[in-house]
């Protein structure tokens, strides 16, 4: 998991510098990635919990009767993806901005595998 946390930190720094939501982090090595950027002034001790809350909140838009990927729910589905066994978390803060990144291995959101990996509550 330490490897994934190092990658997550590098990805957070990459997204902080790129400031571009359309680019994938080049350091993730094929693992799954979810990230968010905000202006919140989060304390380091609260970082992982706050990010997970925001990612999980996407469940409100997920249709469990039609399992599949959507950009509006992709962080949620990766977060709870059953087959992802390892998680690394990293973040970067600079000039009032915060970027939080989760790296998952193996990566989730695999087409055709949603029914067995994203269970209804």
N, C-alpha and C. Protein backbone atom coordinates (compact mmCIF):
# COMPACT_ATOMS: atom_id res chain seq x y z
N UNK A 1 0.82 -1.19 0.00
CA UNK A 1 0.00 0.00 0.00
C UNK A 1 0.86 1.25 0.00
N UNK A 2 2.08 1.14 0.52
CA UNK A 2 2.95 2.31 0.53
C UNK A 2 3.24 2.77 -0.90
N UNK A 3 3.42 1.80 -1.82
CA UNK A 3 3.66 2.16 -3.22
C UNK A 3 2.49 2.97 -3.77
N UNK A 4 1.27 2.56 -3.46
CA UNK A 4 0.10 3.27 -3.94
C UNK A 4 -0.01 4.66 -3.31
N UNK A 5 0.36 4.79 -2.06
CA UNK A 5 0.32 6.11 -1.41
C UNK A 5 1.34 7.06 -2.03
N UNK A 6 2.51 6.53 -2.38
CA UNK A 6 3.53 7.35 -3.04
C UNK A 6 3.01 7.80 -4.40
N UNK A 7 2.39 6.88 -5.14
CA UNK A 7 1.81 7.24 -6.44
C UNK A 7 0.69 8.26 -6.29
N UNK A 8 -0.15 8.08 -5.27
CA UNK A 8 -1.25 9.02 -5.03
C UNK A 8 -0.72 10.42 -4.73
N UNK A 9 0.33 10.51 -3.95
CA UNK A 9 0.95 11.81 -3.64
C UNK A 9 1.49 12.46 -4.91
N UNK A 10 2.17 11.67 -5.74
CA UNK A 10 2.71 12.19 -7.00
C UNK A 10 1.58 12.66 -7.91
N UNK A 11 0.49 11.89 -7.94
CA UNK A 11 -0.65 12.27 -8.77
C UNK A 11 -1.31 13.54 -8.24
N UNK A 12 -1.41 13.69 -6.94
CA UNK A 12 -1.97 14.91 -6.36
C UNK A 12 -1.14 16.13 -6.75
N UNK A 13 0.16 15.98 -6.68
CA UNK A 13 1.05 17.08 -7.08
C UNK A 13 0.92 17.37 -8.57
N UNK A 14 0.79 16.31 -9.38
CA UNK A 14 0.59 16.48 -10.83
C UNK A 14 -0.69 17.27 -11.10
N UNK A 15 -1.80 16.86 -10.49
CA UNK A 15 -3.07 17.55 -10.72
C UNK A 15 -3.04 18.98 -10.19
N UNK A 16 -2.32 19.20 -9.11
CA UNK A 16 -2.19 20.56 -8.57
C UNK A 16 -1.48 21.46 -9.59
N UNK A 17 -0.42 20.95 -10.19
CA UNK A 17 0.35 21.76 -11.13
C UNK A 17 -0.35 21.89 -12.49
N UNK A 18 -1.01 20.82 -12.93
CA UNK A 18 -1.68 20.84 -14.23
C UNK A 18 -2.99 21.63 -14.17
N UNK A 19 -3.69 21.51 -13.04
CA UNK A 19 -4.98 22.21 -12.87
C UNK A 19 -5.92 21.92 -14.04
N UNK A 20 -5.90 20.67 -14.50
CA UNK A 20 -6.68 20.28 -15.68
C UNK A 20 -7.38 18.97 -15.39
N UNK A 21 -8.70 19.01 -15.26
CA UNK A 21 -9.45 17.82 -14.92
C UNK A 21 -9.55 16.78 -16.01
N UNK A 22 -9.08 17.10 -17.21
CA UNK A 22 -9.19 16.16 -18.31
C UNK A 22 -7.97 15.27 -18.47
N UNK A 23 -6.95 15.47 -17.70
CA UNK A 23 -5.72 14.70 -17.86
C UNK A 23 -5.62 13.61 -16.82
N UNK A 24 -5.21 12.44 -17.26
CA UNK A 24 -4.94 11.34 -16.33
C UNK A 24 -3.53 11.49 -15.78
N UNK A 25 -3.37 11.09 -14.56
CA UNK A 25 -2.05 11.14 -13.95
C UNK A 25 -1.14 10.13 -14.63
N UNK A 26 0.04 10.54 -15.08
CA UNK A 26 0.94 9.61 -15.75
C UNK A 26 1.66 8.66 -14.80
N UNK A 27 1.52 8.85 -13.50
CA UNK A 27 2.25 8.04 -12.51
C UNK A 27 1.46 6.85 -11.97
N UNK A 28 0.20 6.71 -12.36
CA UNK A 28 -0.64 5.71 -11.72
C UNK A 28 -0.40 4.28 -12.18
N UNK A 29 0.38 4.09 -13.22
CA UNK A 29 0.80 2.76 -13.68
C UNK A 29 -0.35 1.79 -13.92
N UNK A 30 -1.43 2.26 -14.50
CA UNK A 30 -2.54 1.37 -14.81
C UNK A 30 -3.50 1.11 -13.66
N UNK A 31 -3.20 1.62 -12.48
CA UNK A 31 -4.11 1.45 -11.35
C UNK A 31 -5.29 2.41 -11.50
N UNK A 32 -6.35 2.19 -10.72
CA UNK A 32 -7.51 3.07 -10.75
C UNK A 32 -7.22 4.35 -9.98
N UNK A 33 -7.78 5.45 -10.45
CA UNK A 33 -7.52 6.74 -9.82
C UNK A 33 -8.81 7.53 -9.69
N UNK A 34 -9.04 8.12 -8.53
CA UNK A 34 -10.08 9.13 -8.36
C UNK A 34 -9.44 10.31 -7.65
N UNK A 35 -9.89 11.49 -7.99
CA UNK A 35 -9.31 12.67 -7.37
C UNK A 35 -10.31 13.81 -7.35
N UNK A 36 -10.04 14.76 -6.51
CA UNK A 36 -10.86 15.96 -6.47
C UNK A 36 -9.99 17.15 -6.13
N UNK A 37 -10.43 18.30 -6.60
CA UNK A 37 -9.73 19.55 -6.32
C UNK A 37 -10.73 20.52 -5.74
N UNK A 38 -10.32 21.25 -4.76
CA UNK A 38 -11.20 22.23 -4.16
C UNK A 38 -10.44 23.35 -3.49
N UNK A 39 -11.17 24.30 -2.99
CA UNK A 39 -10.56 25.42 -2.29
C UNK A 39 -10.71 25.26 -0.78
N UNK A 40 -11.20 24.10 -0.38
CA UNK A 40 -11.37 23.85 1.05
C UNK A 40 -10.02 23.87 1.76
N UNK A 41 -10.03 24.41 2.95
CA UNK A 41 -8.83 24.44 3.77
C UNK A 41 -8.89 23.27 4.75
N UNK A 42 -8.64 22.09 4.25
CA UNK A 42 -8.74 20.88 5.06
C UNK A 42 -7.48 20.67 5.89
N UNK A 43 -7.69 20.20 7.10
CA UNK A 43 -6.56 19.81 7.94
C UNK A 43 -6.04 18.47 7.44
N UNK A 44 -4.76 18.25 7.57
CA UNK A 44 -4.17 16.99 7.12
C UNK A 44 -4.85 15.78 7.76
N UNK A 45 -5.21 15.89 9.02
CA UNK A 45 -5.82 14.77 9.73
C UNK A 45 -7.22 14.45 9.22
N UNK A 46 -7.88 15.40 8.55
CA UNK A 46 -9.24 15.21 8.04
C UNK A 46 -9.28 14.87 6.55
N UNK A 47 -8.15 14.94 5.89
CA UNK A 47 -8.10 14.88 4.43
C UNK A 47 -8.75 13.62 3.85
N UNK A 48 -8.34 12.45 4.27
CA UNK A 48 -8.85 11.20 3.69
C UNK A 48 -10.35 11.05 3.95
N UNK A 49 -10.79 11.35 5.15
CA UNK A 49 -12.21 11.23 5.48
C UNK A 49 -13.08 12.18 4.66
N UNK A 50 -12.64 13.42 4.51
CA UNK A 50 -13.42 14.39 3.74
C UNK A 50 -13.49 14.02 2.27
N UNK A 51 -12.36 13.55 1.72
CA UNK A 51 -12.35 13.13 0.32
C UNK A 51 -13.29 11.94 0.12
N UNK A 52 -13.20 10.96 1.00
CA UNK A 52 -14.06 9.77 0.89
C UNK A 52 -15.54 10.15 0.98
N UNK A 53 -15.87 11.09 1.86
CA UNK A 53 -17.27 11.55 1.96
C UNK A 53 -17.75 12.16 0.65
N UNK A 54 -16.92 12.99 0.03
CA UNK A 54 -17.31 13.63 -1.23
C UNK A 54 -17.44 12.59 -2.34
N UNK A 55 -16.52 11.64 -2.41
CA UNK A 55 -16.59 10.60 -3.43
C UNK A 55 -17.82 9.72 -3.21
N UNK A 56 -18.07 9.35 -1.96
CA UNK A 56 -19.20 8.47 -1.66
C UNK A 56 -20.54 9.15 -1.94
N UNK A 57 -20.59 10.45 -1.78
CA UNK A 57 -21.84 11.20 -1.99
C UNK A 57 -22.36 11.03 -3.42
N UNK A 58 -21.51 10.66 -4.35
CA UNK A 58 -21.96 10.43 -5.73
C UNK A 58 -22.97 9.28 -5.81
N UNK A 59 -23.05 8.47 -4.76
CA UNK A 59 -24.00 7.35 -4.78
C UNK A 59 -25.44 7.84 -4.96
N UNK A 60 -25.71 9.07 -4.60
CA UNK A 60 -27.05 9.63 -4.75
C UNK A 60 -27.49 9.67 -6.22
N UNK A 61 -26.53 9.68 -7.13
CA UNK A 61 -26.83 9.74 -8.56
C UNK A 61 -26.67 8.40 -9.27
N UNK A 62 -26.26 7.37 -8.55
CA UNK A 62 -26.01 6.07 -9.18
C UNK A 62 -27.30 5.26 -9.27
N UNK A 63 -27.57 4.70 -10.44
CA UNK A 63 -28.76 3.88 -10.65
C UNK A 63 -28.36 2.41 -10.55
N UNK A 64 -28.62 1.81 -9.40
CA UNK A 64 -28.24 0.42 -9.17
C UNK A 64 -29.01 -0.55 -10.05
N UNK A 65 -30.12 -0.11 -10.64
CA UNK A 65 -30.89 -0.98 -11.54
C UNK A 65 -30.29 -0.99 -12.95
N UNK A 66 -29.39 -0.06 -13.22
CA UNK A 66 -28.71 0.00 -14.52
C UNK A 66 -27.21 0.19 -14.26
N UNK A 67 -26.55 -0.86 -13.78
CA UNK A 67 -25.13 -0.73 -13.42
C UNK A 67 -24.26 -0.36 -14.61
N UNK A 68 -23.33 0.55 -14.36
CA UNK A 68 -22.41 0.97 -15.41
C UNK A 68 -21.67 2.23 -15.00
N UNK A 69 -20.78 2.66 -15.87
CA UNK A 69 -19.96 3.83 -15.59
C UNK A 69 -20.66 5.12 -16.00
N UNK A 70 -20.45 6.15 -15.20
CA UNK A 70 -20.88 7.51 -15.51
C UNK A 70 -19.86 8.46 -14.90
N UNK A 71 -19.51 9.52 -15.61
CA UNK A 71 -18.57 10.48 -15.03
C UNK A 71 -19.07 11.11 -13.73
N UNK A 72 -20.39 11.16 -13.54
CA UNK A 72 -20.93 11.77 -12.33
C UNK A 72 -20.94 10.82 -11.14
N UNK A 73 -20.67 9.53 -11.38
CA UNK A 73 -20.66 8.55 -10.28
C UNK A 73 -19.39 7.69 -10.27
N UNK A 74 -18.45 7.99 -11.14
CA UNK A 74 -17.24 7.17 -11.27
C UNK A 74 -16.38 7.10 -10.02
N UNK A 75 -16.31 8.19 -9.27
CA UNK A 75 -15.52 8.16 -8.03
C UNK A 75 -16.19 7.23 -7.01
N UNK A 76 -17.51 7.31 -6.91
CA UNK A 76 -18.24 6.44 -6.00
C UNK A 76 -18.03 4.98 -6.35
N UNK A 77 -18.21 4.62 -7.62
CA UNK A 77 -18.11 3.21 -8.00
C UNK A 77 -16.69 2.69 -7.81
N UNK A 78 -15.67 3.52 -8.08
CA UNK A 78 -14.31 3.07 -7.82
C UNK A 78 -14.07 2.91 -6.33
N UNK A 79 -14.59 3.82 -5.54
CA UNK A 79 -14.40 3.77 -4.09
C UNK A 79 -14.93 2.47 -3.49
N UNK A 80 -16.07 1.97 -3.98
CA UNK A 80 -16.65 0.76 -3.39
C UNK A 80 -16.41 -0.49 -4.24
N UNK A 81 -15.64 -0.39 -5.31
CA UNK A 81 -15.40 -1.50 -6.23
C UNK A 81 -14.88 -2.71 -5.47
N UNK A 82 -15.65 -3.78 -5.49
CA UNK A 82 -15.37 -4.97 -4.69
C UNK A 82 -14.01 -5.61 -5.01
N UNK A 83 -13.63 -5.63 -6.27
CA UNK A 83 -12.38 -6.30 -6.66
C UNK A 83 -11.12 -5.48 -6.39
N UNK A 84 -11.26 -4.21 -6.07
CA UNK A 84 -10.09 -3.40 -5.72
C UNK A 84 -9.68 -3.77 -4.30
N UNK A 85 -8.48 -4.25 -4.15
CA UNK A 85 -8.02 -4.79 -2.87
C UNK A 85 -7.10 -3.85 -2.10
N UNK A 86 -6.49 -2.90 -2.79
CA UNK A 86 -5.53 -2.01 -2.13
C UNK A 86 -5.85 -0.56 -2.48
N UNK A 87 -5.56 0.32 -1.54
CA UNK A 87 -5.80 1.75 -1.71
C UNK A 87 -4.60 2.52 -1.19
N UNK A 88 -4.19 3.51 -1.97
CA UNK A 88 -3.20 4.48 -1.53
C UNK A 88 -3.84 5.85 -1.59
N UNK A 89 -3.53 6.71 -0.64
CA UNK A 89 -4.12 8.04 -0.59
C UNK A 89 -3.02 9.08 -0.51
N UNK A 90 -3.18 10.16 -1.25
CA UNK A 90 -2.22 11.25 -1.19
C UNK A 90 -2.92 12.57 -1.44
N UNK A 91 -2.25 13.65 -1.07
CA UNK A 91 -2.85 14.96 -1.30
C UNK A 91 -1.75 16.00 -1.46
N UNK A 92 -2.16 17.13 -2.00
CA UNK A 92 -1.27 18.28 -2.13
C UNK A 92 -2.08 19.53 -1.82
N UNK A 93 -1.42 20.50 -1.21
CA UNK A 93 -2.07 21.78 -0.91
C UNK A 93 -1.13 22.90 -1.32
N UNK A 94 -1.71 23.92 -1.96
CA UNK A 94 -0.90 25.06 -2.38
C UNK A 94 -1.81 26.24 -2.68
N UNK A 95 -1.48 27.39 -2.17
CA UNK A 95 -2.18 28.64 -2.48
C UNK A 95 -3.69 28.53 -2.35
N UNK A 96 -4.16 27.94 -1.26
CA UNK A 96 -5.59 27.85 -1.01
C UNK A 96 -6.31 26.74 -1.74
N UNK A 97 -5.57 25.89 -2.45
CA UNK A 97 -6.18 24.77 -3.15
C UNK A 97 -5.76 23.46 -2.51
N UNK A 98 -6.63 22.49 -2.61
CA UNK A 98 -6.35 21.15 -2.11
C UNK A 98 -6.69 20.15 -3.21
N UNK A 99 -5.81 19.19 -3.43
CA UNK A 99 -6.08 18.08 -4.33
C UNK A 99 -5.90 16.80 -3.52
N UNK A 100 -6.91 15.94 -3.56
CA UNK A 100 -6.86 14.64 -2.89
C UNK A 100 -6.97 13.56 -3.96
N UNK A 101 -6.16 12.50 -3.82
CA UNK A 101 -6.13 11.43 -4.81
C UNK A 101 -6.19 10.08 -4.12
N UNK A 102 -7.02 9.19 -4.66
CA UNK A 102 -7.02 7.80 -4.24
C UNK A 102 -6.58 6.94 -5.41
N UNK A 103 -5.63 6.04 -5.17
CA UNK A 103 -5.16 5.10 -6.20
C UNK A 103 -5.56 3.70 -5.74
N UNK A 104 -6.22 2.96 -6.60
CA UNK A 104 -6.79 1.65 -6.27
C UNK A 104 -6.16 0.56 -7.13
N UNK A 105 -5.90 -0.57 -6.51
CA UNK A 105 -5.35 -1.71 -7.24
C UNK A 105 -6.06 -2.99 -6.82
N UNK A 106 -6.48 -3.76 -7.80
CA UNK A 106 -6.57 -3.38 -9.21
C UNK A 106 -7.64 -2.31 -9.41
N UNK A 107 -7.49 -1.58 -10.49
CA UNK A 107 -8.42 -0.50 -10.79
C UNK A 107 -9.83 -1.02 -11.05
N UNK A 108 -10.80 -0.19 -10.77
CA UNK A 108 -12.20 -0.56 -10.97
C UNK A 108 -12.81 0.14 -12.16
N UNK A 109 -14.13 0.23 -12.14
CA UNK A 109 -14.90 0.84 -13.23
C UNK A 109 -14.63 0.14 -14.56
N UNK A 110 -14.57 -1.18 -14.52
CA UNK A 110 -14.31 -1.99 -15.71
C UNK A 110 -15.64 -2.33 -16.38
N UNK A 111 -15.74 -1.97 -17.65
CA UNK A 111 -16.96 -2.21 -18.41
C UNK A 111 -17.36 -3.68 -18.33
N UNK A 112 -18.65 -3.91 -18.08
CA UNK A 112 -19.18 -5.27 -18.01
C UNK A 112 -19.03 -5.94 -16.66
N UNK A 113 -18.34 -5.29 -15.71
CA UNK A 113 -18.10 -5.90 -14.40
C UNK A 113 -18.79 -5.17 -13.25
N UNK A 114 -19.66 -4.24 -13.58
CA UNK A 114 -20.32 -3.45 -12.54
C UNK A 114 -21.27 -4.27 -11.66
N UNK A 115 -22.09 -5.16 -12.22
CA UNK A 115 -23.04 -5.88 -11.37
C UNK A 115 -22.38 -6.65 -10.22
N UNK A 116 -21.25 -7.26 -10.45
CA UNK A 116 -20.60 -8.02 -9.37
C UNK A 116 -19.67 -7.20 -8.49
N UNK A 117 -19.43 -5.92 -8.84
CA UNK A 117 -18.51 -5.10 -8.07
C UNK A 117 -19.14 -3.89 -7.38
N UNK A 118 -20.33 -3.52 -7.79
CA UNK A 118 -21.02 -2.37 -7.18
C UNK A 118 -22.38 -2.85 -6.70
N UNK A 119 -22.44 -3.22 -5.43
CA UNK A 119 -23.66 -3.78 -4.85
C UNK A 119 -24.56 -2.67 -4.29
N UNK A 120 -25.84 -2.86 -4.44
CA UNK A 120 -26.80 -1.93 -3.86
C UNK A 120 -26.75 -2.00 -2.34
N UNK A 121 -26.96 -0.87 -1.67
CA UNK A 121 -26.91 -0.89 -0.19
C UNK A 121 -28.03 -1.73 0.42
